[in-house]
Amino acid sequence: MSTVDTKIVTLTERAAAEVKRLLETENIPAGHYLRIGVKGGGCSGLSYILDFEAKGKLDEVHVENGVEFIVDPRQAIYLMGIEVDFESGLNDRGFIFNNPNATSTCGCGTSFST
């Protein structure tokens, strides 16, 4: 297995720490990676995917802040330059997607259009 040097997604230190915590505390099967991607749907047309899955044939493995994650290269056009962060405050808790390519987003921040 080889990793890809091209930086498509930035995973902040806070997001990486939360992914590592999840890998240690949740029952994630061996050989599963964090998947970062998109799918059709949501109020704005595309929704983000953030899940633990086995690597598919076409998936590329990336490493950021000590976390290996997979991206389907066919989705790279929608993810190029995106930053995944994690908030743990009282008002906001969870992963946050900062997408410089999004022309519109929904109110909850989980769907976008380009």
Protein backbone atom coordinates (compact mmCIF):
# COMPACT_ATOMS: atom_id res chain seq x y z
CA MET A 1 0.00 0.00 0.00
CA SER A 2 1.36 3.38 -0.92
CA THR A 3 0.31 6.80 0.22
CA VAL A 4 -0.30 9.81 -1.99
CA ASP A 5 1.71 13.00 -1.51
CA THR A 6 -0.79 15.30 -3.24
CA LYS A 7 -2.59 17.29 -0.58
CA ILE A 8 -6.31 17.20 -1.27
CA VAL A 9 -7.63 17.48 2.29
CA THR A 10 -6.16 19.14 5.37
CA LEU A 11 -6.99 17.40 8.63
CA THR A 12 -6.34 19.81 11.51
CA GLU A 13 -4.60 18.69 14.69
CA ARG A 14 -7.93 18.83 16.58
CA ALA A 15 -9.64 16.67 13.95
CA ALA A 16 -6.73 14.23 13.91
CA ALA A 17 -6.83 13.96 17.72
CA GLU A 18 -10.55 13.16 17.61
CA VAL A 19 -10.07 10.53 14.87
CA LYS A 20 -7.30 8.91 16.93
CA ARG A 21 -9.57 8.95 20.00
CA LEU A 22 -12.35 7.27 18.00
CA LEU A 23 -9.96 4.63 16.67
CA GLU A 24 -8.89 3.83 20.24
CA THR A 25 -12.31 3.88 21.92
CA GLU A 26 -14.76 2.68 19.28
CA ASN A 27 -14.96 -0.81 17.84
CA ILE A 28 -13.48 0.07 14.42
CA PRO A 29 -12.58 -3.10 12.49
CA ALA A 30 -8.92 -3.66 11.65
CA GLY A 31 -7.97 -2.48 8.19
CA HIS A 32 -10.50 0.36 8.17
CA TYR A 33 -9.52 3.94 7.44
CA LEU A 34 -11.22 7.25 7.87
CA ARG A 35 -13.02 7.97 4.60
CA ILE A 36 -13.39 11.60 3.58
CA GLY A 37 -15.67 12.11 0.61
CA VAL A 38 -18.89 13.46 -0.84
CA LYS A 39 -22.19 12.06 -2.04
CA GLY A 40 -25.20 13.52 -3.77
CA GLY A 41 -27.88 14.84 -1.44
CA GLY A 42 -28.56 17.40 1.23
CA CYS A 43 -30.19 20.80 0.85
CA SER A 44 -27.39 22.20 -1.31
CA GLY A 45 -26.73 19.23 -3.62
CA LEU A 46 -23.70 17.44 -2.11
CA SER A 47 -23.10 16.09 1.39
CA TYR A 48 -19.84 15.26 3.10
CA ILE A 49 -18.89 11.69 4.01
CA LEU A 50 -16.83 11.02 7.11
CA ASP A 51 -16.81 7.36 8.12
CA PHE A 52 -14.55 4.41 8.82
CA GLU A 53 -14.37 1.96 5.91
CA ALA A 54 -12.13 -0.59 4.25
CA LYS A 55 -10.00 0.73 1.40
CA GLY A 56 -11.58 0.26 -2.01
CA LYS A 57 -9.75 -0.53 -5.25
CA LEU A 58 -9.60 3.07 -6.42
CA ASP A 59 -9.08 4.72 -3.04
CA GLU A 60 -5.90 6.64 -2.34
CA VAL A 61 -4.39 6.69 1.14
CA HIS A 62 -3.36 10.08 2.53
CA VAL A 63 -1.67 10.92 5.83
CA GLU A 64 -2.20 14.12 7.79
CA ASN A 65 -1.17 14.76 11.40
CA GLY A 66 -0.53 11.05 11.94
CA VAL A 67 -3.92 9.88 10.62
CA GLU A 68 -4.25 7.73 7.52
CA PHE A 69 -7.43 8.42 5.57
CA ILE A 70 -8.80 7.38 2.21
CA VAL A 71 -10.22 9.46 -0.63
CA ASP A 72 -11.78 8.25 -3.86
CA PRO A 73 -9.83 10.21 -6.51
CA ARG A 74 -13.05 10.68 -8.53
CA GLN A 75 -14.26 12.95 -5.71
CA ALA A 76 -11.06 15.01 -5.50
CA ILE A 77 -12.55 17.83 -7.59
CA TYR A 78 -15.09 18.47 -4.79
CA LEU A 79 -12.57 18.09 -1.96
CA MET A 80 -9.50 19.95 -3.24
CA GLY A 81 -8.39 22.43 -0.58
CA ILE A 82 -10.95 21.39 2.04
CA GLU A 83 -10.05 21.55 5.72
CA VAL A 84 -11.63 19.17 8.22
CA ASP A 85 -11.61 20.53 11.77
CA PHE A 86 -13.18 19.44 15.06
CA GLU A 87 -15.00 21.61 17.58
CA SER A 88 -15.76 20.47 21.12
CA GLY A 89 -17.37 23.57 22.61
CA LEU A 90 -20.75 23.94 24.27
CA ASN A 91 -22.45 25.40 21.19
CA ASP A 92 -20.67 23.40 18.50
CA ARG A 93 -19.45 19.83 18.76
CA GLY A 94 -18.35 17.71 15.86
CA PHE A 95 -16.39 17.74 12.66
CA ILE A 96 -16.50 20.93 10.60
CA PHE A 97 -15.80 21.15 6.88
CA ASN A 98 -14.22 24.36 5.61
CA ASN A 99 -14.53 24.16 1.83
CA PRO A 100 -13.09 27.09 -0.16
CA ASN A 101 -14.76 25.76 -3.34
CA ALA A 102 -18.31 25.81 -1.98
CA THR A 103 -20.47 28.46 -3.61
CA SER A 104 -23.32 27.79 -1.17
CA THR A 105 -23.83 25.75 1.98
CA CYS A 106 -26.83 24.75 4.02
CA GLY A 107 -27.47 26.12 7.50
CA CYS A 108 -26.15 23.03 9.26
CA GLY A 109 -22.91 23.01 7.25
CA THR A 110 -23.12 19.41 6.10
CA SER A 111 -24.09 20.01 2.48
CA PHE A 112 -22.77 22.33 -0.21
CA SER A 113 -22.71 23.12 -3.90
CA THR A 114 -19.89 24.25 -6.17
